[in-house]
């Protein structure tokens, strides 16, 4: 065992306080990590699917409107005058692309959620190890050092 050669009880007190602060900060950080994990999980499970589902409904409505506009335009114009409905064709193409994007995103969400859950399983072990460090190793070090400090303080006052 290494010799500490401590000449001041104040140095031990500062070290005890530092260990206590490290324990507190470690607990606080792991709690914040868990909260962030919960936020991302909520976002992936609830908010993101709701967002893209709503966007898909909007895109479908716009697609229907764009298609109807194109049909109205083509019914009004002559068959040889194709350029007159180019704005409506462009709007329909844009609405079709947006609808396809929304469907694609809706298909990707379950895959993303599955990958996220795998990541959570892997990382939760590391977070638990950090918790164990704070709740057992650092607590034991703090307790032993506090006991040693109290003993040295009694010895110094005699």
C-alpha atoms as a PDB file:
ATOM      1  CA  UNK A   1       0.000   0.000   0.000  1.00  0.00           C
ATOM      2  CA  UNK A   2       1.326   3.469  -0.888  1.00  0.00           C
ATOM      3  CA  UNK A   3       2.110   5.959   1.807  1.00  0.00           C
ATOM      4  CA  UNK A   4       0.101   9.170   1.641  1.00  0.00           C
ATOM      5  CA  UNK A   5       2.362  11.305   3.841  1.00  0.00           C
ATOM      6  CA  UNK A   6      -0.547  13.654   4.641  1.00  0.00           C
ATOM      7  CA  UNK A   7       0.519  16.447   6.983  1.00  0.00           C
ATOM      8  CA  UNK A   8      -2.791  18.263   7.284  1.00  0.00           C
ATOM      9  CA  UNK A   9      -6.235  17.148   8.344  1.00  0.00           C
ATOM     10  CA  UNK A  10      -7.594  19.931   6.135  1.00  0.00           C
ATOM     11  CA  UNK A  11      -6.195  18.150   3.071  1.00  0.00           C
ATOM     12  CA  UNK A  12      -8.087  15.006   4.067  1.00  0.00           C
ATOM     13  CA  UNK A  13     -11.261  17.052   4.632  1.00  0.00           C
ATOM     14  CA  UNK A  14     -10.922  18.619   1.191  1.00  0.00           C
ATOM     15  CA  UNK A  15     -10.436  15.179  -0.328  1.00  0.00           C
ATOM     16  CA  UNK A  16     -13.503  13.842   1.525  1.00  0.00           C
ATOM     17  CA  UNK A  17     -15.555  16.766   0.206  1.00  0.00           C
ATOM     18  CA  UNK A  18     -14.242  16.119  -3.306  1.00  0.00           C
ATOM     19  CA  UNK A  19     -15.296  12.476  -3.158  1.00  0.00           C
ATOM     20  CA  UNK A  20     -18.738  13.534  -1.897  1.00  0.00           C
ATOM     21  CA  UNK A  21     -19.079  16.061  -4.715  1.00  0.00           C
ATOM     22  CA  UNK A  22     -17.971  13.477  -7.258  1.00  0.00           C
ATOM     23  CA  UNK A  23     -20.638  11.057  -5.946  1.00  0.00           C
ATOM     24  CA  UNK A  24     -23.297  13.767  -6.144  1.00  0.00           C
ATOM     25  CA  UNK A  25     -22.231  14.882  -9.634  1.00  0.00           C
ATOM     26  CA  UNK A  26     -22.092  11.281 -10.870  1.00  0.00           C
ATOM     27  CA  UNK A  27     -25.623  10.612  -9.631  1.00  0.00           C
ATOM     28  CA  UNK A  28     -26.851  13.859 -11.167  1.00  0.00           C
ATOM     29  CA  UNK A  29     -25.212  13.101 -14.538  1.00  0.00           C
ATOM     30  CA  UNK A  30     -26.602   9.567 -14.746  1.00  0.00           C
ATOM     31  CA  UNK A  31     -30.070  10.905 -13.904  1.00  0.00           C
ATOM     32  CA  UNK A  32     -29.727  13.466 -16.707  1.00  0.00           C
ATOM     33  CA  UNK A  33     -28.564  10.750 -19.108  1.00  0.00           C
ATOM     34  CA  UNK A  34     -31.612   8.650 -18.269  1.00  0.00           C
ATOM     35  CA  UNK A  35     -33.896  11.656 -18.768  1.00  0.00           C
ATOM     36  CA  UNK A  36     -32.371  12.302 -22.187  1.00  0.00           C
ATOM     37  CA  UNK A  37     -32.867   8.638 -23.083  1.00  0.00           C
ATOM     38  CA  UNK A  38     -36.518   8.924 -22.050  1.00  0.00           C
ATOM     39  CA  UNK A  39     -36.978  12.068 -24.141  1.00  0.00           C
ATOM     40  CA  UNK A  40     -35.543  10.428 -27.250  1.00  0.00           C
ATOM     41  CA  UNK A  41     -37.628   7.298 -26.657  1.00  0.00           C
ATOM     42  CA  UNK A  42     -40.801   9.376 -26.294  1.00  0.00           C
ATOM     43  CA  UNK A  43     -39.922  11.291 -29.436  1.00  0.00           C
ATOM     44  CA  UNK A  44     -39.341   8.097 -31.435  1.00  0.00           C
ATOM     45  CA  UNK A  45     -42.333   6.208 -30.054  1.00  0.00           C
ATOM     46  CA  UNK A  46     -44.949   8.945 -30.001  1.00  0.00           C
ATOM     47  CA  UNK A  47     -44.043  12.373 -31.342  1.00  0.00           C
ATOM     48  CA  UNK A  48     -42.268  11.382 -34.556  1.00  0.00           C
ATOM     49  CA  UNK A  49     -44.958   8.922 -35.721  1.00  0.00           C
ATOM     50  CA  UNK A  50     -47.668  11.475 -34.940  1.00  0.00           C
ATOM     51  CA  UNK A  51     -45.773  14.170 -36.835  1.00  0.00           C
ATOM     52  CA  UNK A  52     -45.248  12.071 -39.971  1.00  0.00           C
ATOM     53  CA  UNK A  53     -48.771  10.662 -39.817  1.00  0.00           C
ATOM     54  CA  UNK A  54     -50.119  14.210 -39.755  1.00  0.00           C
ATOM     55  CA  UNK A  55     -47.738  15.260 -42.531  1.00  0.00           C
ATOM     56  CA  UNK A  56     -48.908  12.276 -44.602  1.00  0.00           C
ATOM     57  CA  UNK A  57     -52.559  13.316 -44.191  1.00  0.00           C
ATOM     58  CA  UNK A  58     -51.676  16.873 -45.242  1.00  0.00           C
ATOM     59  CA  UNK A  59     -49.640  15.600 -48.206  1.00  0.00           C
ATOM     60  CA  UNK A  60     -52.473  13.320 -49.292  1.00  0.00           C
ATOM     61  CA  UNK A  61     -54.950  16.204 -49.124  1.00  0.00           C
ATOM     62  CA  UNK A  62     -52.624  18.396 -51.167  1.00  0.00           C
ATOM     63  CA  UNK A  63     -52.099  15.583 -53.690  1.00  0.00           C
ATOM     64  CA  UNK A  64     -55.866  15.188 -54.134  1.00  0.00           C
ATOM     65  CA  UNK A  65     -56.259  18.954 -54.549  1.00  0.00           C
ATOM     66  CA  UNK A  66     -53.382  19.125 -57.055  1.00  0.00           C
ATOM     67  CA  UNK A  67     -54.796  16.213 -59.059  1.00  0.00           C
ATOM     68  CA  UNK A  68     -58.245  17.824 -59.150  1.00  0.00           C
ATOM     69  CA  UNK A  69     -56.702  21.127 -60.291  1.00  0.00           C
ATOM     70  CA  UNK A  70     -54.866  19.328 -63.089  1.00  0.00           C
ATOM     71  CA  UNK A  71     -58.040  17.508 -64.143  1.00  0.00           C
ATOM     72  CA  UNK A  72     -59.972  20.790 -64.211  1.00  0.00           C
ATOM     73  CA  UNK A  73     -57.218  22.444 -66.208  1.00  0.00           C
ATOM     74  CA  UNK A  74     -56.991  19.647 -68.753  1.00  0.00           C
ATOM     75  CA  UNK A  75     -60.777  19.611 -69.140  1.00  0.00           C
ATOM     76  CA  UNK A  76     -60.769  23.353 -69.973  1.00  0.00           C
ATOM     77  CA  UNK A  77     -57.876  23.360 -72.450  1.00  0.00           C
ATOM     78  CA  UNK A  78     -57.483  21.865 -75.890  1.00  0.00           C
ATOM     79  CA  UNK A  79     -55.591  18.601 -76.267  1.00  0.00           C
ATOM     80  CA  UNK A  80     -52.823  20.186 -78.391  1.00  0.00           C
ATOM     81  CA  UNK A  81     -52.155  22.951 -75.813  1.00  0.00           C
ATOM     82  CA  UNK A  82     -50.231  20.917 -73.175  1.00  0.00           C
ATOM     83  CA  UNK A  83     -48.143  23.805 -71.821  1.00  0.00           C
ATOM     84  CA  UNK A  84     -51.139  25.571 -70.359  1.00  0.00           C
ATOM     85  CA  UNK A  85     -51.389  23.096 -67.430  1.00  0.00           C
ATOM     86  CA  UNK A  86     -47.664  22.977 -66.614  1.00  0.00           C
ATOM     87  CA  UNK A  87     -48.172  24.774 -63.279  1.00  0.00           C
ATOM     88  CA  UNK A  88     -50.758  22.197 -62.229  1.00  0.00           C
ATOM     89  CA  UNK A  89     -48.531  19.304 -63.390  1.00  0.00           C
ATOM     90  CA  UNK A  90     -45.642  20.703 -61.405  1.00  0.00           C
ATOM     91  CA  UNK A  91     -47.859  21.095 -58.319  1.00  0.00           C
ATOM     92  CA  UNK A  92     -49.038  17.474 -58.676  1.00  0.00           C
ATOM     93  CA  UNK A  93     -45.466  16.219 -59.065  1.00  0.00           C
ATOM     94  CA  UNK A  94     -44.416  18.159 -55.963  1.00  0.00           C
ATOM     95  CA  UNK A  95     -47.407  16.825 -53.978  1.00  0.00           C
ATOM     96  CA  UNK A  96     -46.607  13.282 -55.129  1.00  0.00           C
ATOM     97  CA  UNK A  97     -42.985  13.618 -54.013  1.00  0.00           C
ATOM     98  CA  UNK A  98     -44.022  14.977 -50.608  1.00  0.00           C
ATOM     99  CA  UNK A  99     -46.519  12.159 -50.104  1.00  0.00           C
ATOM    100  CA  UNK A 100     -43.837   9.580 -51.029  1.00  0.00           C
ATOM    101  CA  UNK A 101     -41.421  11.210 -48.588  1.00  0.00           C
ATOM    102  CA  UNK A 102     -43.986  11.002 -45.785  1.00  0.00           C
ATOM    103  CA  UNK A 103     -44.641   7.332 -46.505  1.00  0.00           C
ATOM    104  CA  UNK A 104     -40.908   6.648 -46.559  1.00  0.00           C
ATOM    105  CA  UNK A 105     -40.446   8.352 -43.186  1.00  0.00           C
ATOM    106  CA  UNK A 106     -43.352   6.381 -41.741  1.00  0.00           C
ATOM    107  CA  UNK A 107     -41.643   3.140 -42.841  1.00  0.00           C
ATOM    108  CA  UNK A 108     -38.305   4.224 -41.350  1.00  0.00           C
ATOM    109  CA  UNK A 109     -39.618   5.032 -37.868  1.00  0.00           C
ATOM    110  CA  UNK A 110     -39.984   1.408 -36.672  1.00  0.00           C
ATOM    111  CA  UNK A 111     -36.459   0.611 -37.905  1.00  0.00           C
ATOM    112  CA  UNK A 112     -35.063   3.661 -36.093  1.00  0.00           C
ATOM    113  CA  UNK A 113     -36.932   2.715 -32.938  1.00  0.00           C
ATOM    114  CA  UNK A 114     -35.550  -0.813 -33.080  1.00  0.00           C
ATOM    115  CA  UNK A 115     -31.983   0.504 -33.482  1.00  0.00           C
ATOM    116  CA  UNK A 116     -32.546   2.960 -30.636  1.00  0.00           C
ATOM    117  CA  UNK A 117     -33.786   0.200 -28.333  1.00  0.00           C
ATOM    118  CA  UNK A 118     -30.729  -1.912 -29.159  1.00  0.00           C
ATOM    119  CA  UNK A 119     -28.495   1.051 -28.361  1.00  0.00           C
ATOM    120  CA  UNK A 120     -30.350   1.579 -25.063  1.00  0.00           C
ATOM    121  CA  UNK A 121     -29.797  -2.028 -24.063  1.00  0.00           C
ATOM    122  CA  UNK A 122     -26.079  -1.743 -24.797  1.00  0.00           C
ATOM    123  CA  UNK A 123     -25.561   1.600 -23.075  1.00  0.00           C
ATOM    124  CA  UNK A 124     -27.702   0.876 -20.020  1.00  0.00           C
ATOM    125  CA  UNK A 125     -24.994  -1.478 -18.737  1.00  0.00           C
ATOM    126  CA  UNK A 126     -22.451   1.335 -18.885  1.00  0.00           C
ATOM    127  CA  UNK A 127     -24.802   3.730 -17.097  1.00  0.00           C
ATOM    128  CA  UNK A 128     -25.437   1.120 -14.387  1.00  0.00           C
ATOM    129  CA  UNK A 129     -21.674   0.726 -13.945  1.00  0.00           C
ATOM    130  CA  UNK A 130     -21.348   4.479 -13.444  1.00  0.00           C
ATOM    131  CA  UNK A 131     -24.160   4.317 -10.879  1.00  0.00           C
ATOM    132  CA  UNK A 132     -22.396   1.464  -9.098  1.00  0.00           C
ATOM    133  CA  UNK A 133     -19.199   3.493  -9.028  1.00  0.00           C
ATOM    134  CA  UNK A 134     -20.982   6.353  -7.311  1.00  0.00           C
ATOM    135  CA  UNK A 135     -23.144   4.287  -5.004  1.00  0.00           C
ATOM    136  CA  UNK A 136     -20.652   1.656  -3.901  1.00  0.00           C
ATOM    137  CA  UNK A 137     -17.012   2.350  -4.737  1.00  0.00           C
ATOM    138  CA  UNK A 138     -17.066   6.085  -4.039  1.00  0.00           C
ATOM    139  CA  UNK A 139     -19.342   5.607  -1.027  1.00  0.00           C
ATOM    140  CA  UNK A 140     -16.947   3.032   0.434  1.00  0.00           C
ATOM    141  CA  UNK A 141     -13.974   5.314  -0.208  1.00  0.00           C
ATOM    142  CA  UNK A 142     -15.807   8.260   1.352  1.00  0.00           C
ATOM    143  CA  UNK A 143     -16.811   6.213   4.422  1.00  0.00           C
ATOM    144  CA  UNK A 144     -13.332   4.764   4.974  1.00  0.00           C
ATOM    145  CA  UNK A 145     -11.668   8.133   4.526  1.00  0.00           C
ATOM    146  CA  UNK A 146     -14.173   9.781   6.869  1.00  0.00           C
ATOM    147  CA  UNK A 147     -13.454   7.105   9.503  1.00  0.00           C
ATOM    148  CA  UNK A 148      -9.709   7.574   9.074  1.00  0.00           C
ATOM    149  CA  UNK A 149     -10.144  11.341   9.304  1.00  0.00           C
ATOM    150  CA  UNK A 150     -12.193  11.053  12.498  1.00  0.00           C
ATOM    151  CA  UNK A 151      -9.550   8.765  14.027  1.00  0.00           C
ATOM    152  CA  UNK A 152      -6.717  11.126  13.097  1.00  0.00           C
ATOM    153  CA  UNK A 153      -8.669  14.094  14.414  1.00  0.00           C
ATOM    154  CA  UNK A 154      -9.160  12.346  17.788  1.00  0.00           C
ATOM    155  CA  UNK A 155      -5.482  11.479  17.872  1.00  0.00           C
ATOM    156  CA  UNK A 156      -4.485  15.066  17.032  1.00  0.00           C
ATOM    157  CA  UNK A 157      -6.653  16.539  19.823  1.00  0.00           C
ATOM    158  CA  UNK A 158      -5.143  14.278  22.494  1.00  0.00           C
END
